Amino acid sequence: MKKLPIGIEDYADFKKRDYYYIDKTGMIKDLLDHLGKVNLFTRPRRFGKSLTMSMLKYFFEIGTDSSLFDGLDISKERELCENYMGKYPVISLTLKQVDGFNFDHAKEQLWVSIRSEARRFGFLEKSDQLSEDDCKVFHGLVGKTGNLESSLYELSQLLYQHYHRKVIILIDEYDVPLQKANIEGYYKEMAKFISQFFGYGMKTNPYMEFAVVTGCLRIAKESIFTGFNNPKIYTIVNEMYDEWFGFTDDEVQKLLADYGKSKYYQVTKDWYDGYQFGKTKVYCPWDVMNFCDQLSTTSDDRPQNFWANSSGNDIIIRFAELADEQTRIELEELLQGKSVWKQINFELTYVELEETIENLWSVLFMTGYLTFRNRDDKNQFELILPNHEIKLLFEKLIERWFKQKIKNDTEGLTDFFEAMDMEDAEQMEDNLNILMDSSISYMDAGKQKEKENFYHGMVLGILNARKDWVVKSNREAGNGRLDLLTYYKRAKVAYIFEFKYAEKEQELESLAQDAVEQIKEKHYEKIFMPRKPEKVVYYGIAFYKKQCRVKMEVE
């Protein structure tokens, strides 16, 4: 059985180290059939961009091992292979590690990438095709003493002079430096630099045959690609190349069958399928490979949030923070399996990404948190959550955001605790309703216990915000398990909470009273024995969406 390629991005490793490979070499023919001078592919993270670039490098580069492609789809294109395989010098750069804490640090990291690539061509130092001045230029690239802005141009010139063939340039994750610069506060400097770097290297470079560039977003307004001779840009909505990034349903079924895990097809589909690129539905490769590996090496068959856990997801928190009432309603609809129609802007700058909620809709779509079902001729897209993994990610982060929001609402917390201490059930009810009114509800489609647990967690978060109070959750007491209890360390009164979730608004009143009766019937107050407080207050709270009803009795 072949090994599963978890985290493998070097194409040669699949053949040399016997990794399982899903054949995507057909992309090479599509690329050559529809070639542009500069070809930009934008896809979310973990969808195979880096592996694709490695595949292109091994196919085109002079001196390649042609056996790496034996038996694969591209090998059937004999004339194409004879004309293109191993025929070009290739410069291959990845910018994913260019994430400096300031501009100078980021430039130093880019120098590291340039130097590393230049060292692959150490033979240039002794090339009889290069002049003494050319060798000095090469030494500057290796020694990081040259001009960084023109380094890509200079390296391609040297390779052209040596081979007398134009160079193919591959740049992976071109927008990572811009993303990091935006976070760290040196965006303008980096945008200007990247524009110059690409301008020298690809726009005004007579030694370049063609270039392939990948990233998550299409960045146009900084003039990074302005002036290129009709660059071809392929986003997640373009039909061309739609099947080459991500796994198709047939590919996933075959993978599971090859490892004897076909019975997990439906759960794999529910959790990791659902992305639409062009007209093709695809799975996230990172998720599928990790889940298959988990099934093959452990007894744990529970799906995990592999993609969601592979990077930070702060954009969802920012989305929740900016959400107005209409956006909260739309997000609730998404979490309930419904769709929303939105105008998508494909040409945002990183500075603009989080400026408005409209921009964030576009970013969530382009980076894989949302996908589309339909589109109209006005660039509006019907957006949905792609799968169960992303739905759970949204739920988890929104719950975290809401709990933090409650903790920061000092006025609302003060009013709630005052009503609790005064045994004023109506005022507590009003306070909770106000807090929930600004929340994002996603529990309507969940199971009864899941719904109760959400509101249980919400009230637990509120009570934990009270300093010097003891809070206990899900404790055995009397003849059952109470939901929550709280008391001040030196006070003579304690509070017991029981929660219910109503399927209909009309049930709120009766269920809140049922919660109080449950506390009494199961004698939850016995948890305090033998040192019982002088007074125990029972609170029964029933929830329905963003409404609640509070009932109270004193023991």
Protein backbone atom coordinates (compact mmCIF):
# COMPACT_ATOMS: atom_id res chain seq x y z
CA MET A 1 0.00 0.00 0.00
CA LYS A 2 1.38 3.40 -0.98
CA LYS A 3 1.99 5.99 1.70
CA LEU A 4 -0.42 8.91 1.94
CA PRO A 5 1.26 12.24 1.09
CA ILE A 6 0.48 14.35 4.15
CA GLY A 7 2.21 17.69 3.66
CA ILE A 8 4.24 16.50 0.63
CA GLU A 9 4.71 19.35 -1.86
CA ASP A 10 7.70 18.12 -3.86
CA TYR A 11 6.33 16.34 -6.91
CA ALA A 12 9.37 14.05 -7.27
CA ASP A 13 8.71 12.53 -3.85
CA PHE A 14 5.54 10.86 -5.11
CA LYS A 15 7.48 8.60 -7.46
CA LYS A 16 10.76 8.32 -5.54
CA ARG A 17 9.18 7.66 -2.13
CA ASP A 18 6.13 5.75 -3.37
CA TYR A 19 3.38 8.14 -2.27
CA TYR A 20 -0.20 7.87 -3.44
CA TYR A 21 -0.78 10.31 -6.29
CA ILE A 22 -4.02 11.53 -7.80
CA ASP A 23 -3.12 12.32 -11.39
CA LYS A 24 -3.38 16.04 -12.14
CA THR A 25 -0.81 16.10 -14.95
CA GLY A 26 -3.54 16.79 -17.48
CA MET A 27 -3.29 20.40 -16.36
CA ILE A 28 0.01 20.68 -18.26
CA LYS A 29 -1.75 20.12 -21.58
CA ASP A 30 -4.50 22.61 -20.69
CA LEU A 31 -1.86 25.16 -19.75
CA LEU A 32 0.02 24.79 -23.03
CA ASP A 33 -3.18 24.78 -25.06
CA HIS A 34 -4.36 28.06 -23.51
CA LEU A 35 -1.06 29.65 -22.59
CA GLY A 36 -0.72 33.29 -21.64
CA LYS A 37 2.47 35.22 -21.02
CA VAL A 38 1.51 35.45 -17.34
CA ASN A 39 -0.99 32.95 -15.92
CA LEU A 40 -2.40 33.60 -12.43
CA PHE A 41 -4.34 30.93 -10.53
CA THR A 42 -6.14 31.88 -7.32
CA ARG A 43 -7.36 29.15 -4.98
CA PRO A 44 -7.91 28.81 -1.20
CA ARG A 45 -5.12 27.41 0.96
CA ARG A 46 -4.50 23.65 1.01
CA PHE A 47 -5.93 23.01 -2.45
CA GLY A 48 -2.73 21.82 -4.10
CA LYS A 49 -1.24 25.02 -5.49
CA SER A 50 2.31 24.30 -4.31
CA LEU A 51 2.27 20.70 -5.53
CA THR A 52 1.00 21.89 -8.90
CA MET A 53 3.89 24.35 -9.21
CA SER A 54 6.36 21.62 -8.29
CA MET A 55 4.83 19.39 -10.98
CA LEU A 56 5.28 22.12 -13.59
CA LYS A 57 8.89 22.63 -12.56
CA TYR A 58 9.75 18.95 -12.91
CA PHE A 59 8.01 18.70 -16.26
CA PHE A 60 9.56 21.71 -18.01
CA GLU A 61 13.02 21.96 -16.43
CA ILE A 62 16.10 21.03 -18.42
CA GLY A 63 17.60 17.81 -17.06
CA THR A 64 14.37 16.51 -15.58
CA ASP A 65 13.78 12.82 -14.92
CA SER A 66 11.13 11.93 -17.50
CA SER A 67 10.27 8.74 -15.61
CA LEU A 68 8.50 10.92 -13.02
CA PHE A 69 5.64 11.15 -15.50
CA ASP A 70 5.58 7.54 -16.72
CA GLY A 71 2.09 6.08 -16.78
CA LEU A 72 0.40 9.42 -16.06
CA ASP A 73 -2.07 11.21 -18.30
CA ILE A 74 0.46 13.67 -19.69
CA SER A 75 2.71 10.82 -20.90
CA LYS A 76 0.02 9.92 -23.43
CA GLU A 77 0.63 13.28 -25.14
CA ARG A 78 3.82 12.13 -26.86
CA GLU A 79 4.33 15.05 -29.22
CA LEU A 80 3.74 17.54 -26.42
CA CYS A 81 6.23 15.75 -24.18
CA GLU A 82 8.83 15.67 -26.96
CA ASN A 83 8.46 19.42 -27.51
CA TYR A 84 8.23 20.64 -23.93
CA MET A 85 9.38 18.12 -21.33
CA GLY A 86 12.83 19.02 -20.02
CA LYS A 87 13.29 21.80 -22.57
CA TYR A 88 13.38 25.00 -20.48
CA PRO A 89 15.35 26.60 -17.68
CA VAL A 90 12.89 27.11 -14.81
CA ILE A 91 13.01 29.60 -11.95
CA SER A 92 10.75 28.41 -9.15
CA LEU A 93 10.10 30.63 -6.14
CA THR A 94 7.72 30.33 -3.22
CA LEU A 95 6.87 33.45 -1.25
CA LYS A 96 4.94 31.68 1.50
CA GLN A 97 7.81 32.18 3.97
CA VAL A 98 8.09 35.93 3.33
CA ASP A 99 6.28 37.01 6.48
CA GLY A 100 8.64 39.48 8.13
CA PHE A 101 7.75 41.56 11.17
CA ASN A 102 8.86 44.67 9.27
CA PHE A 103 9.70 45.61 5.68
CA ASP A 104 13.47 45.08 5.99
CA HIS A 105 12.94 41.67 7.58
CA ALA A 106 10.56 40.68 4.79
CA LYS A 107 13.07 41.74 2.13
CA GLU A 108 15.75 39.70 3.88
CA GLN A 109 13.45 36.65 3.74
CA LEU A 110 12.87 37.21 0.03
CA TRP A 111 16.63 37.41 -0.47
CA VAL A 112 16.88 34.01 1.17
CA SER A 113 14.46 32.59 -1.42
CA ILE A 114 16.29 34.25 -4.31
CA ARG A 115 19.69 33.06 -3.08
CA SER A 116 18.43 29.53 -2.55
CA GLU A 117 17.08 29.41 -6.09
CA ALA A 118 20.25 30.96 -7.56
CA ARG A 119 22.37 28.32 -5.84
CA ARG A 120 20.52 25.63 -7.79
CA PHE A 121 22.31 27.05 -10.82
CA GLY A 122 25.82 27.04 -9.39
CA PHE A 123 27.15 25.91 -12.76
CA LEU A 124 26.58 29.48 -14.04
CA GLU A 125 29.67 30.58 -12.15
CA LYS A 126 31.83 28.57 -14.56
CA SER A 127 29.70 28.95 -17.67
CA ASP A 128 31.68 29.87 -20.76
CA GLN A 129 28.55 31.64 -22.02
CA LEU A 130 28.75 34.28 -19.28
CA SER A 131 31.05 37.27 -19.18
CA GLU A 132 33.06 38.38 -16.17
CA ASP A 133 30.41 41.00 -15.42
CA ASP A 134 27.70 38.36 -15.69
CA CYS A 135 29.54 36.26 -13.10
CA LYS A 136 29.65 39.27 -10.80
CA VAL A 137 25.89 39.61 -11.14
CA PHE A 138 25.51 35.93 -10.24
CA HIS A 139 27.76 36.37 -7.20
CA GLY A 140 25.55 39.28 -6.15
CA LEU A 141 22.47 37.05 -6.27
CA VAL A 142 24.13 34.30 -4.26
CA GLY A 143 25.71 36.75 -1.84
CA LYS A 144 22.59 38.95 -1.49
CA THR A 145 24.55 42.04 -2.50
CA GLY A 146 22.74 42.82 -5.74
CA ASN A 147 19.51 44.64 -6.48
CA LEU A 148 16.62 42.65 -5.03
CA GLU A 149 14.00 44.40 -7.17
CA SER A 150 15.70 43.21 -10.38
CA SER A 151 17.00 39.87 -9.08
CA LEU A 152 14.35 37.79 -10.84
CA TYR A 153 15.11 39.55 -14.12
CA GLU A 154 18.86 39.12 -13.68
CA LEU A 155 18.65 35.42 -12.89
CA SER A 156 16.48 34.77 -15.94
CA GLN A 157 18.92 36.74 -18.11
CA LEU A 158 21.86 34.66 -16.90
CA LEU A 159 19.98 31.41 -17.54
CA TYR A 160 19.02 32.58 -21.01
CA GLN A 161 22.59 33.44 -21.84
CA HIS A 162 23.77 30.02 -20.68
CA TYR A 163 21.06 27.90 -22.33
CA HIS A 164 20.03 30.21 -25.20
CA ARG A 165 16.45 29.41 -24.25
CA LYS A 166 13.88 31.61 -22.61
CA VAL A 167 13.01 30.92 -18.99
CA ILE A 168 9.78 29.71 -17.39
CA ILE A 169 9.08 31.54 -14.12
CA LEU A 170 6.96 29.93 -11.38
CA ILE A 171 5.94 32.00 -8.35
CA ASP A 172 3.92 30.26 -5.65
CA GLU A 173 1.84 32.15 -3.03
CA TYR A 174 2.66 35.53 -4.52
CA ASP A 175 0.28 37.40 -2.19
CA VAL A 176 1.58 36.10 1.17
CA PRO A 177 4.06 39.01 1.55
CA LEU A 178 1.20 41.47 0.99
CA GLN A 179 -1.01 39.71 3.52
CA LYS A 180 1.71 39.71 6.18
CA ALA A 181 2.65 43.31 5.39
CA ASN A 182 -0.93 44.38 5.92
CA ILE A 183 -0.98 42.70 9.33
CA GLU A 184 2.36 44.16 10.43
CA GLY A 185 1.80 47.68 9.09
CA TYR A 186 4.17 48.05 6.12
CA TYR A 187 1.72 47.35 3.32
CA LYS A 188 2.45 50.37 1.12
CA GLU A 189 6.17 49.63 1.02
CA MET A 190 5.59 45.96 0.24
CA ALA A 191 2.98 46.63 -2.46
CA LYS A 192 5.37 49.03 -4.20
CA PHE A 193 8.24 46.57 -3.91
CA ILE A 194 6.25 43.58 -5.20
CA SER A 195 5.07 45.67 -8.14
CA GLN A 196 8.69 46.50 -9.02
CA PHE A 197 9.87 42.92 -8.42
CA PHE A 198 7.18 41.49 -10.69
CA GLY A 199 7.56 44.33 -13.16
CA TYR A 200 11.25 43.63 -13.72
CA GLY A 201 10.80 39.88 -13.54
CA MET A 202 7.72 39.35 -15.69
CA LYS A 203 6.45 42.54 -17.28
CA THR A 204 9.56 43.85 -19.02
CA ASN A 205 11.55 40.63 -19.16
CA PRO A 206 12.55 39.61 -22.73
CA TYR A 207 14.14 36.42 -21.38
CA MET A 208 10.89 34.95 -20.06
CA GLU A 209 8.95 32.33 -22.04
CA PHE A 210 5.93 32.48 -19.74
CA ALA A 211 5.09 32.66 -16.04
CA VAL A 212 2.69 30.83 -13.75
CA VAL A 213 1.72 32.54 -10.51
CA THR A 214 -0.49 31.25 -7.67
CA GLY A 215 -2.11 32.88 -4.67
CA CYS A 216 -5.30 33.08 -2.64
CA LEU A 217 -6.50 36.45 -3.91
CA ARG A 218 -6.33 38.41 -7.13
CA ILE A 219 -4.65 41.69 -6.23
CA ALA A 220 -5.05 44.18 -9.06
CA LYS A 221 -5.33 47.72 -7.78
CA GLU A 222 -1.73 48.02 -6.58
CA SER A 223 -0.65 47.78 -10.25
CA ILE A 224 1.08 44.48 -9.52
CA PHE A 225 -0.21 43.07 -12.79
CA THR A 226 -0.98 46.33 -14.54
CA GLY A 227 0.78 46.67 -17.87
CA PHE A 228 1.16 42.95 -18.48
CA ASN A 229 0.29 41.90 -21.99
CA ASN A 230 -3.15 40.39 -21.37
CA PRO A 231 -2.39 38.29 -18.28
CA LYS A 232 -4.66 35.31 -17.92
CA ILE A 233 -6.30 35.17 -14.51
CA TYR A 234 -8.18 32.08 -13.36
CA THR A 235 -10.18 32.45 -10.14
CA ILE A 236 -12.41 29.92 -8.41
CA VAL A 237 -15.34 30.87 -10.65
CA ASN A 238 -13.62 30.21 -13.98
CA GLU A 239 -14.46 26.97 -15.76
CA MET A 240 -10.99 26.58 -17.25
CA TYR A 241 -8.76 24.48 -14.94
CA ASP A 242 -11.68 23.91 -12.55
CA GLU A 243 -10.84 20.22 -11.95
CA TRP A 244 -7.07 20.55 -11.47
CA PHE A 245 -7.12 22.02 -7.96
CA GLY A 246 -8.98 19.87 -5.44
CA PHE A 247 -10.23 16.28 -5.71
CA THR A 248 -13.28 15.31 -7.74
CA ASP A 249 -15.89 12.91 -6.42
CA ASP A 250 -14.61 10.07 -8.61
CA GLU A 251 -11.06 10.62 -7.35
CA VAL A 252 -12.17 10.51 -3.72
CA GLN A 253 -14.24 7.36 -4.22
CA LYS A 254 -11.25 5.63 -5.81
CA LEU A 255 -8.91 6.78 -3.03
CA LEU A 256 -11.20 5.42 -0.31
CA ALA A 257 -11.68 2.16 -2.23
CA ASP A 258 -7.91 1.74 -2.67
CA TYR A 259 -7.46 1.94 1.10
CA GLY A 260 -10.49 -0.19 1.94
CA LYS A 261 -12.43 2.73 3.41
CA SER A 262 -15.35 3.03 1.01
CA LYS A 263 -17.86 2.83 3.86
CA TYR A 264 -16.67 6.29 4.92
CA TYR A 265 -17.54 7.85 1.56
CA GLN A 266 -20.68 9.66 2.76
CA VAL A 267 -19.13 11.12 5.88
CA THR A 268 -16.13 12.23 3.80
CA LYS A 269 -18.49 13.90 1.36
CA ASP A 270 -20.54 15.59 4.09
CA TRP A 271 -17.47 16.98 5.81
CA TYR A 272 -15.03 17.84 3.02
CA ASP A 273 -16.90 18.13 -0.30
CA GLY A 274 -19.06 21.00 -1.52
CA TYR A 275 -16.59 23.48 -2.99
CA GLN A 276 -17.45 24.63 -6.47
CA PHE A 277 -14.68 25.76 -8.80
CA GLY A 278 -16.12 26.81 -12.14
CA LYS A 279 -18.66 24.08 -12.88
CA THR A 280 -16.88 21.32 -10.96
CA LYS A 281 -17.61 20.24 -7.38
CA VAL A 282 -14.40 19.41 -5.52
CA TYR A 283 -13.22 18.20 -2.14
CA CYS A 284 -10.45 19.84 -0.13
CA PRO A 285 -7.36 17.61 -0.75
CA TRP A 286 -5.81 18.39 2.63
CA ASP A 287 -8.92 17.19 4.45
CA VAL A 288 -9.41 14.05 2.40
CA MET A 289 -5.80 12.88 2.66
CA ASN A 290 -5.64 13.54 6.40
CA PHE A 291 -8.94 11.78 7.07
CA CYS A 292 -7.96 8.77 4.97
CA ASP A 293 -4.64 8.64 6.81
CA GLN A 294 -6.44 8.81 10.16
CA LEU A 295 -8.77 5.97 9.13
CA SER A 296 -5.81 3.88 7.95
CA THR A 297 -3.54 4.37 10.96
CA THR A 298 -5.89 4.70 13.96
CA SER A 299 -9.18 3.31 15.26
CA ASP A 300 -10.62 6.84 15.41
CA ASP A 301 -13.15 7.26 12.61
CA ARG A 302 -14.46 10.65 13.71
CA PRO A 303 -13.86 13.37 11.07
CA GLN A 304 -11.73 16.30 12.17
CA ASN A 305 -11.42 19.97 11.18
CA PHE A 306 -8.15 19.48 9.32
CA TRP A 307 -8.43 22.47 6.95
CA ALA A 308 -9.84 24.77 9.58
CA ASN A 309 -7.00 23.95 11.98
CA SER A 310 -4.25 24.48 9.39
CA SER A 311 -4.25 28.26 9.75
CA GLY A 312 -5.70 31.14 11.73
CA ASN A 313 -9.34 31.98 11.10
CA ASP A 314 -9.49 35.49 12.52
CA ILE A 315 -11.40 36.71 9.49
CA ILE A 316 -14.57 35.04 10.80
CA ILE A 317 -14.22 36.88 14.13
CA ARG A 318 -13.75 40.13 12.23
CA PHE A 319 -16.82 39.30 10.18
CA ALA A 320 -18.90 38.80 13.33
CA GLU A 321 -17.59 42.05 14.82
CA LEU A 322 -18.61 44.09 11.76
CA ALA A 323 -21.95 42.34 11.28
CA ASP A 324 -25.03 44.55 11.41
CA GLU A 325 -28.53 43.18 12.01
CA GLN A 326 -29.06 42.26 8.35
CA THR A 327 -25.72 40.47 8.16
CA ARG A 328 -26.46 38.52 11.34
CA ILE A 329 -29.74 37.36 9.81
CA GLU A 330 -27.93 36.30 6.64
CA LEU A 331 -25.25 34.44 8.58
CA GLU A 332 -27.92 32.64 10.59
CA GLU A 333 -29.52 31.57 7.32
CA LEU A 334 -26.19 30.18 6.09
CA LEU A 335 -25.73 28.22 9.30
CA GLN A 336 -29.22 26.77 8.84
CA GLY A 337 -28.23 25.45 5.39
CA LYS A 338 -29.78 28.28 3.38
CA SER A 339 -28.10 30.58 0.85
CA VAL A 340 -27.55 34.32 0.41
CA TRP A 341 -26.95 36.35 -2.75
CA LYS A 342 -23.97 38.72 -2.68
CA GLN A 343 -22.01 40.95 -5.03
CA ILE A 344 -18.42 39.69 -5.16
CA ASN A 345 -15.47 41.99 -5.72
CA PHE A 346 -12.51 40.03 -7.08
CA GLU A 347 -10.09 42.98 -7.13
CA LEU A 348 -9.77 44.03 -3.50
CA THR A 349 -6.49 45.16 -2.02
CA TYR A 350 -5.43 43.73 1.32
CA VAL A 351 -5.95 47.15 2.90
CA GLU A 352 -9.58 47.06 1.78
CA LEU A 353 -10.35 43.49 2.85
CA GLU A 354 -11.74 44.25 6.29
CA GLU A 355 -12.96 47.80 5.73
CA THR A 356 -16.59 46.87 5.13
CA ILE A 357 -18.85 43.90 5.64
CA GLU A 358 -19.40 43.78 1.86
CA ASN A 359 -15.67 43.28 1.30
CA LEU A 360 -15.56 40.54 3.91
CA TRP A 361 -18.26 38.59 2.08
CA SER A 362 -15.96 38.62 -0.95
CA VAL A 363 -12.93 37.54 1.06
CA LEU A 364 -14.78 34.69 2.77
CA PHE A 365 -15.82 33.47 -0.67
CA MET A 366 -12.40 33.71 -2.31
CA THR A 367 -10.55 32.09 0.59
CA GLY A 368 -12.74 28.99 0.88
CA TYR A 369 -15.04 29.75 3.80
CA LEU A 370 -17.97 30.08 1.41
CA THR A 371 -18.68 28.62 -2.00
CA PHE A 372 -21.27 29.36 -4.66
CA ARG A 373 -24.23 27.52 -6.07
CA ASN A 374 -25.34 29.92 -8.81
CA ARG A 375 -24.42 33.30 -10.29
CA ASP A 376 -26.13 35.96 -12.40
CA ASP A 377 -24.85 38.32 -15.09
CA LYS A 378 -24.30 41.13 -12.57
CA ASN A 379 -21.50 39.34 -10.71
CA GLN A 380 -23.83 38.33 -7.90
CA PHE A 381 -23.33 34.88 -6.44
CA GLU A 382 -25.59 32.59 -4.44
CA LEU A 383 -23.33 31.74 -1.51
CA ILE A 384 -23.51 28.73 0.82
CA LEU A 385 -21.33 27.05 3.43
CA PRO A 386 -19.53 24.25 1.54
CA ASN A 387 -19.65 21.47 4.10
CA HIS A 388 -19.97 20.36 7.70
CA GLU A 389 -16.37 21.20 8.58
CA ILE A 390 -16.80 24.86 7.69
CA LYS A 391 -20.21 25.02 9.40
CA LEU A 392 -18.67 23.78 12.66
CA LEU A 393 -15.80 26.25 12.29
CA PHE A 394 -18.24 29.15 11.99
CA GLU A 395 -20.25 27.92 14.96
CA LYS A 396 -17.18 27.54 17.16
CA LEU A 397 -15.70 30.93 16.33
CA ILE A 398 -19.01 32.77 16.57
CA GLU A 399 -19.68 31.21 19.97
CA ARG A 400 -16.20 32.36 21.10
CA TRP A 401 -16.87 35.85 19.74
CA PHE A 402 -20.25 36.06 21.46
CA LYS A 403 -18.90 34.93 24.83
CA GLN A 404 -16.14 37.52 24.61
CA LYS A 405 -18.68 40.14 23.61
CA ILE A 406 -20.74 39.34 26.68
CA LYS A 407 -17.69 39.57 28.96
CA ASN A 408 -16.88 43.00 27.55
CA ASP A 409 -20.44 44.26 28.09
CA THR A 410 -19.86 45.50 31.63
CA GLU A 411 -23.11 47.46 31.76
CA GLY A 412 -25.19 44.51 30.62
CA LEU A 413 -23.42 42.17 33.07
CA THR A 414 -23.97 44.58 35.95
CA ASP A 415 -27.68 44.77 35.18
CA PHE A 416 -27.92 40.97 34.94
CA PHE A 417 -26.17 40.34 38.27
CA GLU A 418 -28.23 43.03 39.98
CA ALA A 419 -31.46 41.41 38.78
CA MET A 420 -30.20 37.98 39.87
CA ASP A 421 -29.34 39.20 43.35
CA MET A 422 -32.68 41.01 43.66
CA GLU A 423 -34.47 37.80 42.60
CA ASP A 424 -36.12 39.78 39.81
CA ALA A 425 -36.95 37.16 37.16
CA GLU A 426 -38.53 39.65 34.76
CA GLN A 427 -35.49 41.93 34.78
CA MET A 428 -33.14 38.95 34.29
CA GLU A 429 -35.27 37.92 31.35
CA ASP A 430 -35.02 41.39 29.82
CA ASN A 431 -31.24 41.47 30.31
CA LEU A 432 -30.74 38.08 28.67
CA ASN A 433 -32.97 39.01 25.75
CA ILE A 434 -30.96 42.19 25.16
CA LEU A 435 -27.69 40.25 25.22
CA MET A 436 -29.00 37.61 22.82
CA ASP A 437 -30.50 40.16 20.46
CA SER A 438 -27.00 41.10 19.26
CA SER A 439 -25.90 37.47 18.93
CA ILE A 440 -25.81 35.20 15.89
CA SER A 441 -28.05 32.18 16.37
CA TYR A 442 -27.02 28.93 14.74
CA MET A 443 -28.69 26.30 16.90
CA ASP A 444 -32.07 26.09 15.19
CA ALA A 445 -31.12 22.99 13.21
CA GLY A 446 -29.27 21.22 16.01
CA LYS A 447 -30.35 18.48 18.35
CA GLN A 448 -32.25 19.33 21.54
CA LYS A 449 -29.29 18.72 23.83
CA GLU A 450 -26.93 20.69 21.57
CA LYS A 451 -29.29 23.67 21.75
CA GLU A 452 -29.51 23.51 25.53
CA ASN A 453 -25.72 23.21 25.74
CA PHE A 454 -25.23 26.39 23.71
CA TYR A 455 -27.35 28.49 26.06
CA HIS A 456 -25.89 26.67 29.04
CA GLY A 457 -22.45 27.79 27.84
CA MET A 458 -23.66 31.34 27.30
CA VAL A 459 -24.98 31.72 30.89
CA LEU A 460 -21.86 29.96 32.21
CA GLY A 461 -19.76 32.60 30.47
CA ILE A 462 -21.84 35.35 32.07
CA LEU A 463 -21.51 33.89 35.56
CA ASN A 464 -17.76 33.32 35.17
CA ALA A 465 -17.35 37.04 34.57
CA ARG A 466 -18.28 37.71 38.21
CA LYS A 467 -15.17 37.96 40.33
CA ASP A 468 -14.81 35.95 43.53
CA TRP A 469 -17.88 33.85 42.83
CA VAL A 470 -17.82 30.07 42.70
CA VAL A 471 -19.41 28.62 39.56
CA LYS A 472 -19.99 24.89 39.05
CA SER A 473 -21.40 23.23 35.95
CA ASN A 474 -22.97 19.80 35.29
CA ARG A 475 -22.54 18.47 38.79
CA GLU A 476 -24.22 15.44 40.36
CA ALA A 477 -26.73 16.69 42.90
CA GLY A 478 -29.64 15.03 44.70
CA ASN A 479 -31.25 12.65 42.24
CA GLY A 480 -29.68 13.97 39.05
CA ARG A 481 -27.21 16.45 37.53
CA LEU A 482 -27.81 20.17 37.84
CA ASP A 483 -26.91 22.54 35.01
CA LEU A 484 -25.30 25.41 36.91
CA LEU A 485 -24.90 26.70 40.43
CA THR A 486 -23.14 29.78 41.72
CA TYR A 487 -22.55 31.45 45.05
CA TYR A 488 -20.30 34.04 46.63
CA LYS A 489 -17.66 32.51 48.87
CA ARG A 490 -18.85 34.21 52.06
CA ALA A 491 -22.50 34.83 51.19
CA LYS A 492 -25.52 33.07 52.68
CA VAL A 493 -27.38 32.65 49.39
CA ALA A 494 -26.79 30.36 46.42
CA TYR A 495 -28.35 30.08 42.95
CA ILE A 496 -29.21 26.98 40.93
CA PHE A 497 -29.95 27.19 37.20
CA GLU A 498 -31.72 24.71 34.95
CA PHE A 499 -32.08 25.26 31.17
CA LYS A 500 -34.59 24.10 28.57
CA TYR A 501 -34.91 24.71 24.84
CA ALA A 502 -38.36 25.24 23.35
CA GLU A 503 -39.26 24.02 19.87
CA LYS A 504 -41.97 26.69 19.71
CA GLU A 505 -42.21 30.16 21.20
CA GLN A 506 -45.49 29.19 22.89
CA GLU A 507 -43.63 26.59 25.00
CA LEU A 508 -41.34 29.10 26.73
CA GLU A 509 -43.59 29.74 29.73
CA SER A 510 -44.32 26.11 30.56
CA LEU A 511 -40.75 24.90 29.99
CA ALA A 512 -39.27 27.59 32.22
CA GLN A 513 -41.62 26.44 34.97
CA ASP A 514 -40.75 22.79 34.23
CA ALA A 515 -37.08 23.68 34.76
CA VAL A 516 -37.86 25.06 38.22
CA GLU A 517 -39.92 21.98 39.07
CA GLN A 518 -37.03 19.73 37.97
CA ILE A 519 -34.69 21.49 40.42
CA LYS A 520 -37.18 20.88 43.21
CA GLU A 521 -38.16 17.31 42.31
CA LYS A 522 -34.58 16.13 41.95
CA HIS A 523 -33.49 17.98 45.10
CA TYR A 524 -30.50 19.64 43.54
CA GLU A 525 -30.13 21.74 46.69
CA LYS A 526 -28.69 18.64 48.43
CA ILE A 527 -25.38 19.39 46.72
CA PHE A 528 -24.76 21.86 49.55
CA MET A 529 -25.23 19.26 52.31
CA PRO A 530 -24.27 19.19 55.10
CA ARG A 531 -23.51 22.96 55.09
CA LYS A 532 -26.52 24.33 53.32
CA PRO A 533 -26.80 28.11 52.65
CA GLU A 534 -29.57 30.01 54.40
CA LYS A 535 -31.31 30.58 51.09
CA VAL A 536 -31.19 28.81 47.71
CA VAL A 537 -32.75 30.52 44.68
CA TYR A 538 -33.97 28.36 41.78
CA TYR A 539 -33.88 29.81 38.27
CA GLY A 540 -35.53 27.96 35.41
CA ILE A 541 -34.74 29.44 32.00
CA ALA A 542 -36.26 28.36 28.69
CA PHE A 543 -34.80 29.55 25.37
CA TYR A 544 -36.21 29.80 21.88
CA LYS A 545 -33.86 31.29 19.28
CA LYS A 546 -33.08 34.78 20.65
CA GLN A 547 -35.83 34.80 23.26
CA CYS A 548 -36.01 33.44 26.76
CA ARG A 549 -38.38 33.14 29.69
CA VAL A 550 -37.14 33.12 33.28
CA LYS A 551 -38.99 31.61 36.24
CA MET A 552 -37.76 31.83 39.82
CA GLU A 553 -38.55 30.29 43.20
CA VAL A 554 -36.84 30.52 46.57
CA GLU A 555 -36.36 27.32 48.54
